[in-house]
Amino acid sequence: MTDPTSRPVSMTWPPSTTGPPSTTGPAITPRQTAERCAAVLDEIERAVVGHRRALELVMIGILAGGHILLEDLPGLGKTLIARSFATALGLDFARIQFTPDLLPSDVVGAPLYDQRTGQMVFRPGPVFTQLLLADEINRTPPKTQAALLEAMGEGQVSMDGETRQLPRPFVVLATDNPIEYEGTYELPEAQLDRFLIRLRLGYLSGQDEVAMLARRIARKTEDAVLRQITHAAELLAMRASLEQVEVSGDLLEYVVSIIRATRENQQIQVGRRRARAPDHAAARTVGAPGQRRRRGRPPALGGARAAHQPGRRAQLTTR
């Protein structure tokens, strides 16, 4: 079931897009990228209160070209975060409410018979967008979940012997409810591997909850109206700027040592497959303003922890 309030998906091929074309814009520097990211996060915080670090992790995932799984209780702002990022980043947005009766064709689309032309015409599904909210993804059977595998991994959809590219950038923000198991289907390892970041929001502090209520009373309307800070072409340029971030050899060795530890630790069933340099470049670019990192070699790794931490990779599966 798609959200009737989301932006409409084009019923013709190729899908139409609004705003600037999804091609890489003029080159920008990592410093400009950091400034743009700070502006995006500041704008989103007008609607999402008390989750700055979680928002930074989502921004890192988007910059690194990955997908994000928000796993937490209902009513903590997961859907609001997805909508806010789509607005602030200027991306086309679509929402799929995953249900037990949802079919793969409801996600990726299907060929339909056109009576006017007498031909089969492909009707794109809601996956043909730039930011897709996969709401309660664990409520649909594995067959429908698997319909997203190619789209998330390759940025394309193959059907009837033809491959169709998805708009760029393409980001999936998925949510699931970790406390209800009746009528749900646990995400398989192959699906979890498509997510770059898996995190939980947690409850707000008492001070943040008071601030949230005060903002609601002050604006005298249900939803906060956010401004568009950037657009798709500039977001692609921001991604490209990550290639200019300098990464020392010590940091590379440290990253590889963490990855190898996940493969060798007896408490971890499936370790990390491979490293991705853009992930670390994005993390360094989106760091909090004024934050200074310690110089020199990172501390020695004593062993990987399998306990869940915000931003932990989904592959760290305990026995």
Protein backbone atom coordinates (compact mmCIF):
# COMPACT_ATOMS: atom_id res chain seq x y z
CA MET A 1 0.00 0.00 0.00
CA THR A 2 1.51 3.30 -1.02
CA ASP A 3 1.02 6.52 0.87
CA PRO A 4 -1.52 8.75 -0.93
CA THR A 5 0.23 11.84 0.44
CA SER A 6 3.61 10.95 -1.08
CA ARG A 7 4.68 12.42 -4.38
CA PRO A 8 3.05 10.60 -7.31
CA VAL A 9 5.06 8.02 -9.21
CA SER A 10 5.17 8.43 -12.97
CA MET A 11 3.08 5.92 -14.85
CA THR A 12 5.15 6.21 -18.01
CA TRP A 13 8.68 5.15 -18.78
CA PRO A 14 11.13 6.67 -18.16
CA PRO A 15 9.72 8.15 -14.94
CA SER A 16 9.46 11.91 -14.80
CA THR A 17 11.28 13.80 -12.07
CA THR A 18 10.83 17.20 -10.54
CA GLY A 19 13.54 19.71 -9.76
CA PRO A 20 17.09 19.71 -11.13
CA PRO A 21 18.21 16.68 -13.15
CA SER A 22 19.90 13.91 -11.17
CA THR A 23 23.37 14.45 -12.57
CA THR A 24 26.42 15.44 -10.66
CA GLY A 25 26.54 19.21 -10.22
CA PRO A 26 29.57 21.50 -10.06
CA ALA A 27 32.46 20.17 -8.01
CA ILE A 28 32.46 21.20 -4.37
CA THR A 29 34.99 20.72 -1.57
CA PRO A 30 34.61 18.50 1.50
CA ARG A 31 34.41 21.65 3.64
CA GLN A 32 31.47 22.90 1.57
CA THR A 33 29.88 19.47 1.91
CA ALA A 34 30.24 19.64 5.69
CA GLU A 35 28.67 23.10 5.76
CA ARG A 36 25.79 21.93 3.56
CA CYS A 37 25.23 18.88 5.77
CA ALA A 38 25.16 21.07 8.89
CA ALA A 39 22.52 23.28 7.25
CA VAL A 40 20.42 20.23 6.32
CA LEU A 41 20.63 18.81 9.85
CA ASP A 42 19.80 22.17 11.43
CA GLU A 43 16.70 22.43 9.24
CA ILE A 44 15.57 18.88 10.05
CA GLU A 45 16.01 19.55 13.78
CA ARG A 46 13.20 22.10 13.47
CA ALA A 47 10.90 19.06 13.13
CA VAL A 48 12.87 16.25 14.82
CA VAL A 49 13.84 17.12 18.39
CA GLY A 50 16.61 15.53 20.45
CA HIS A 51 18.07 13.08 17.92
CA ARG A 52 21.02 15.03 16.48
CA ARG A 53 23.42 12.07 16.56
CA ALA A 54 20.89 9.77 14.89
CA LEU A 55 20.30 12.39 12.20
CA GLU A 56 24.06 12.64 11.63
CA LEU A 57 24.25 8.87 11.14
CA VAL A 58 21.41 8.97 8.62
CA MET A 59 23.17 11.82 6.78
CA ILE A 60 26.40 9.78 6.75
CA GLY A 61 24.56 6.83 5.24
CA ILE A 62 23.02 8.99 2.52
CA LEU A 63 26.36 10.63 1.69
CA ALA A 64 28.05 7.24 1.48
CA GLY A 65 25.43 5.99 -0.99
CA GLY A 66 23.95 3.51 1.48
CA HIS A 67 20.55 2.62 2.89
CA ILE A 68 19.39 2.96 6.49
CA LEU A 69 17.25 0.73 8.71
CA LEU A 70 15.51 2.51 11.61
CA GLU A 71 14.55 -0.13 14.13
CA ASP A 72 12.60 1.11 17.14
CA LEU A 73 9.25 1.45 18.85
CA PRO A 74 6.28 3.13 17.13
CA GLY A 75 5.80 6.86 17.62
CA LEU A 76 9.46 7.84 18.02
CA GLY A 77 9.74 9.80 14.78
CA LYS A 78 11.06 7.28 12.24
CA THR A 79 8.62 8.26 9.49
CA LEU A 80 9.07 11.95 10.32
CA ILE A 81 12.84 11.59 9.87
CA ALA A 82 12.40 10.09 6.40
CA ARG A 83 9.98 12.80 5.26
CA SER A 84 12.17 15.55 6.71
CA PHE A 85 15.28 14.33 4.88
CA ALA A 86 13.34 14.13 1.60
CA THR A 87 12.16 17.73 2.04
CA ALA A 88 15.49 19.22 3.15
CA LEU A 89 17.47 17.36 0.48
CA GLY A 90 14.96 18.19 -2.28
CA LEU A 91 14.43 14.54 -3.27
CA ASP A 92 11.38 12.90 -4.79
CA PHE A 93 9.68 10.91 -2.03
CA ALA A 94 7.50 7.80 -1.99
CA ARG A 95 6.24 5.66 0.87
CA ILE A 96 5.29 2.00 0.89
CA GLN A 97 3.32 0.62 3.82
CA PHE A 98 4.42 -3.02 3.90
CA THR A 99 1.57 -5.41 4.70
CA PRO A 100 1.21 -9.22 4.61
CA ASP A 101 -0.71 -9.10 1.30
CA LEU A 102 1.75 -6.80 -0.51
CA LEU A 103 3.08 -8.27 -3.79
CA PRO A 104 6.48 -7.70 -5.44
CA SER A 105 4.73 -5.95 -8.34
CA ASP A 106 3.30 -3.46 -5.85
CA VAL A 107 6.90 -2.43 -5.09
CA VAL A 108 8.81 -2.52 -8.38
CA GLY A 109 5.95 -2.27 -10.86
CA ALA A 110 4.56 -4.60 -13.53
CA PRO A 111 3.73 -4.69 -17.25
CA LEU A 112 0.12 -3.84 -18.05
CA TYR A 113 -1.88 -4.21 -21.24
CA ASP A 114 -2.61 -0.88 -22.93
CA GLN A 115 -5.91 -1.19 -24.79
CA ARG A 116 -5.23 1.93 -26.86
CA THR A 117 -2.01 0.61 -28.38
CA GLY A 118 -2.57 -3.11 -27.95
CA GLN A 119 0.87 -3.45 -26.31
CA MET A 120 2.21 -4.32 -22.88
CA VAL A 121 3.45 -1.16 -21.12
CA PHE A 122 5.59 -1.19 -18.00
CA ARG A 123 4.03 0.67 -15.10
CA PRO A 124 6.75 1.69 -12.61
CA GLY A 125 6.14 1.01 -8.95
CA PRO A 126 6.86 3.37 -6.05
CA VAL A 127 10.48 2.16 -5.95
CA PHE A 128 11.15 4.50 -8.90
CA THR A 129 11.85 7.50 -6.70
CA GLN A 130 14.84 9.10 -5.00
CA LEU A 131 14.04 8.57 -1.33
CA LEU A 132 11.86 5.57 -0.54
CA LEU A 133 10.34 5.03 2.90
CA ALA A 134 9.82 1.28 3.38
CA ASP A 135 7.53 1.47 6.40
CA GLU A 136 7.35 -1.61 8.66
CA ILE A 137 9.31 -3.68 6.18
CA ASN A 138 9.17 -6.74 8.44
CA ARG A 139 5.39 -7.03 8.06
CA THR A 140 5.57 -8.35 4.50
CA PRO A 141 6.63 -11.87 3.43
CA PRO A 142 10.23 -12.55 2.31
CA LYS A 143 9.11 -12.80 -1.33
CA THR A 144 8.09 -9.16 -1.31
CA GLN A 145 11.07 -8.10 0.79
CA ALA A 146 13.34 -9.67 -1.83
CA ALA A 147 11.86 -7.39 -4.50
CA LEU A 148 14.02 -4.62 -3.04
CA LEU A 149 17.30 -6.55 -3.19
CA GLU A 150 18.31 -5.60 -6.73
CA ALA A 151 17.07 -2.04 -6.33
CA MET A 152 19.07 -1.50 -3.14
CA GLY A 153 22.18 -3.32 -4.30
CA GLU A 154 22.41 -2.25 -7.94
CA GLY A 155 20.13 0.78 -8.27
CA GLN A 156 18.08 -0.90 -10.98
CA VAL A 157 15.04 -3.11 -11.59
CA SER A 158 15.05 -6.05 -14.03
CA MET A 159 11.77 -7.35 -15.43
CA ASP A 160 10.79 -9.18 -18.60
CA GLY A 161 14.39 -9.26 -19.79
CA GLU A 162 14.84 -5.49 -19.54
CA THR A 163 16.83 -3.56 -16.94
CA ARG A 164 15.61 -0.14 -15.88
CA GLN A 165 17.81 2.24 -13.92
CA LEU A 166 16.40 3.95 -10.84
CA PRO A 167 16.64 7.72 -10.39
CA ARG A 168 19.82 9.00 -8.78
CA PRO A 169 20.36 9.33 -5.95
CA PHE A 170 18.35 6.37 -4.69
CA VAL A 171 18.05 5.91 -0.92
CA VAL A 172 15.92 3.50 1.09
CA LEU A 173 14.98 4.43 4.66
CA ALA A 174 13.27 1.38 6.11
CA THR A 175 11.57 1.01 9.49
CA ASP A 176 10.59 -2.02 11.48
CA ASN A 177 9.07 -2.70 14.87
CA PRO A 178 11.38 -4.91 16.98
CA ILE A 179 8.88 -5.75 19.75
CA GLU A 180 6.02 -7.36 17.80
CA TYR A 181 6.65 -10.76 16.26
CA GLU A 182 3.13 -11.97 15.48
CA GLY A 183 2.41 -11.43 11.80
CA THR A 184 5.96 -10.28 11.05
CA TYR A 185 8.81 -11.79 9.04
CA GLU A 186 12.39 -11.38 10.22
CA LEU A 187 14.61 -9.77 7.62
CA PRO A 188 16.97 -12.34 6.07
CA GLU A 189 20.73 -11.80 6.18
CA ALA A 190 20.85 -10.97 2.46
CA GLN A 191 18.36 -8.14 3.03
CA LEU A 192 20.15 -6.80 6.12
CA ASP A 193 23.39 -6.74 4.14
CA ARG A 194 21.89 -4.08 1.87
CA PHE A 195 21.66 -1.63 4.78
CA LEU A 196 24.72 0.43 5.54
CA ILE A 197 23.46 1.58 8.95
CA ARG A 198 21.04 0.02 11.39
CA LEU A 199 20.14 2.17 14.39
CA ARG A 200 17.64 2.87 17.12
CA LEU A 201 16.42 6.27 18.20
CA GLY A 202 15.45 5.67 21.81
CA TYR A 203 13.25 7.83 24.01
CA LEU A 204 13.79 11.55 24.33
CA SER A 205 15.12 13.02 27.55
CA GLY A 206 12.67 14.89 29.75
CA GLN A 207 14.14 18.22 28.68
CA ASP A 208 13.81 17.34 24.98
CA GLU A 209 10.20 16.23 25.44
CA VAL A 210 9.37 19.57 27.05
CA ALA A 211 11.09 21.38 24.17
CA MET A 212 9.12 19.32 21.64
CA LEU A 213 5.80 20.23 23.29
CA ALA A 214 6.80 23.89 23.54
CA ARG A 215 7.63 24.01 19.82
CA ARG A 216 4.28 22.42 18.96
CA ILE A 217 2.39 25.01 21.01
CA ALA A 218 4.42 27.88 19.57
CA ARG A 219 3.87 27.04 15.89
CA LYS A 220 0.10 26.38 16.40
CA THR A 221 0.00 23.67 13.74
CA GLU A 222 0.57 19.92 13.68
CA ASP A 223 3.49 19.71 11.26
CA ALA A 224 6.60 21.83 11.03
CA VAL A 225 7.11 23.31 7.56
CA LEU A 226 10.70 22.66 6.44
CA ARG A 227 12.66 24.43 3.72
CA GLN A 228 14.50 22.74 0.89
CA ILE A 229 18.24 23.21 1.53
CA THR A 230 19.76 21.39 -1.42
CA HIS A 231 18.72 19.26 -4.40
CA ALA A 232 19.54 15.92 -6.02
CA ALA A 233 22.31 17.21 -8.29
CA GLU A 234 24.11 18.92 -5.43
CA LEU A 235 23.75 15.83 -3.25
CA LEU A 236 25.54 13.80 -5.92
CA ALA A 237 28.27 16.46 -5.99
CA MET A 238 28.55 16.20 -2.22
CA ARG A 239 29.03 12.46 -2.57
CA ALA A 240 31.73 13.01 -5.17
CA SER A 241 33.55 15.43 -2.85
CA LEU A 242 34.18 12.58 -0.41
CA GLU A 243 36.83 11.29 -2.80
CA GLN A 244 38.93 14.32 -1.82
CA VAL A 245 39.00 13.41 1.89
CA GLU A 246 42.46 12.31 2.97
CA VAL A 247 42.63 9.02 4.85
CA SER A 248 45.87 8.05 6.60
CA GLY A 249 47.37 4.60 6.39
CA ASP A 250 46.96 4.12 10.15
CA LEU A 251 43.22 4.63 9.84
CA LEU A 252 43.01 2.12 6.98
CA GLU A 253 44.87 -0.46 9.07
CA TYR A 254 42.56 0.23 12.02
CA VAL A 255 39.43 -0.20 9.90
CA VAL A 256 40.70 -3.47 8.44
CA SER A 257 41.59 -4.74 11.93
CA ILE A 258 38.02 -4.12 13.08
CA ILE A 259 36.61 -5.92 10.04
CA ARG A 260 38.92 -8.89 10.48
CA ALA A 261 38.01 -9.07 14.17
CA THR A 262 34.33 -9.49 13.25
CA ARG A 263 35.29 -12.47 11.09
CA GLU A 264 37.44 -14.14 13.74
CA ASN A 265 35.46 -13.46 16.93
CA GLN A 266 33.78 -16.67 18.10
CA GLN A 267 30.71 -14.76 19.32
CA ILE A 268 29.96 -13.37 15.86
CA GLN A 269 28.32 -15.76 13.42
CA VAL A 270 28.69 -13.69 10.24
CA GLY A 271 31.44 -11.06 10.09
CA ARG A 272 31.80 -7.97 7.93
CA ARG A 273 32.33 -8.77 4.24
CA ARG A 274 34.44 -5.84 3.06
CA ALA A 275 35.40 -2.25 3.80
CA ARG A 276 33.93 0.74 2.01
CA ALA A 277 36.09 3.84 1.91
CA PRO A 278 33.23 6.34 1.27
CA ASP A 279 31.67 5.30 4.60
CA HIS A 280 34.65 6.56 6.56
CA ALA A 281 35.05 9.69 4.42
CA ALA A 282 31.39 10.55 5.01
CA ALA A 283 31.77 10.03 8.75
CA ARG A 284 34.73 12.42 8.83
CA THR A 285 32.87 15.01 6.77
CA VAL A 286 29.65 15.06 8.80
CA GLY A 287 31.39 15.21 12.21
CA ALA A 288 30.05 17.64 14.75
CA PRO A 289 31.28 21.24 14.24
CA GLY A 290 34.45 21.95 16.15
CA GLN A 291 34.97 18.30 17.03
CA ARG A 292 38.67 17.43 17.09
CA ARG A 293 39.89 13.90 16.63
CA ARG A 294 42.91 12.58 18.43
CA ARG A 295 46.03 12.47 16.36
CA GLY A 296 48.29 9.47 16.03
CA ARG A 297 47.48 5.82 15.77
CA PRO A 298 44.01 4.76 16.93
CA PRO A 299 43.89 2.64 20.10
CA ALA A 300 44.50 -1.07 19.74
CA LEU A 301 41.45 -3.21 19.09
CA GLY A 302 40.77 -5.63 21.91
CA GLY A 303 37.97 -7.50 20.11
CA ALA A 304 34.66 -6.75 18.42
CA ARG A 305 31.52 -6.40 20.50
CA ALA A 306 28.38 -8.14 19.31
CA ALA A 307 26.05 -6.00 21.45
CA HIS A 308 23.85 -3.63 19.49
CA GLN A 309 25.10 -0.05 19.21
CA PRO A 310 23.66 2.83 17.16
CA GLY A 311 25.09 2.64 13.67
CA ARG A 312 26.30 -0.96 14.06
CA ARG A 313 26.40 -2.99 10.88
CA ALA A 314 23.64 -5.54 10.55
CA GLN A 315 26.12 -8.37 9.87
CA LEU A 316 27.17 -8.57 13.53
CA THR A 317 24.85 -11.45 14.36
CA THR A 318 25.39 -13.23 17.67
CA ARG A 319 24.94 -16.94 18.02
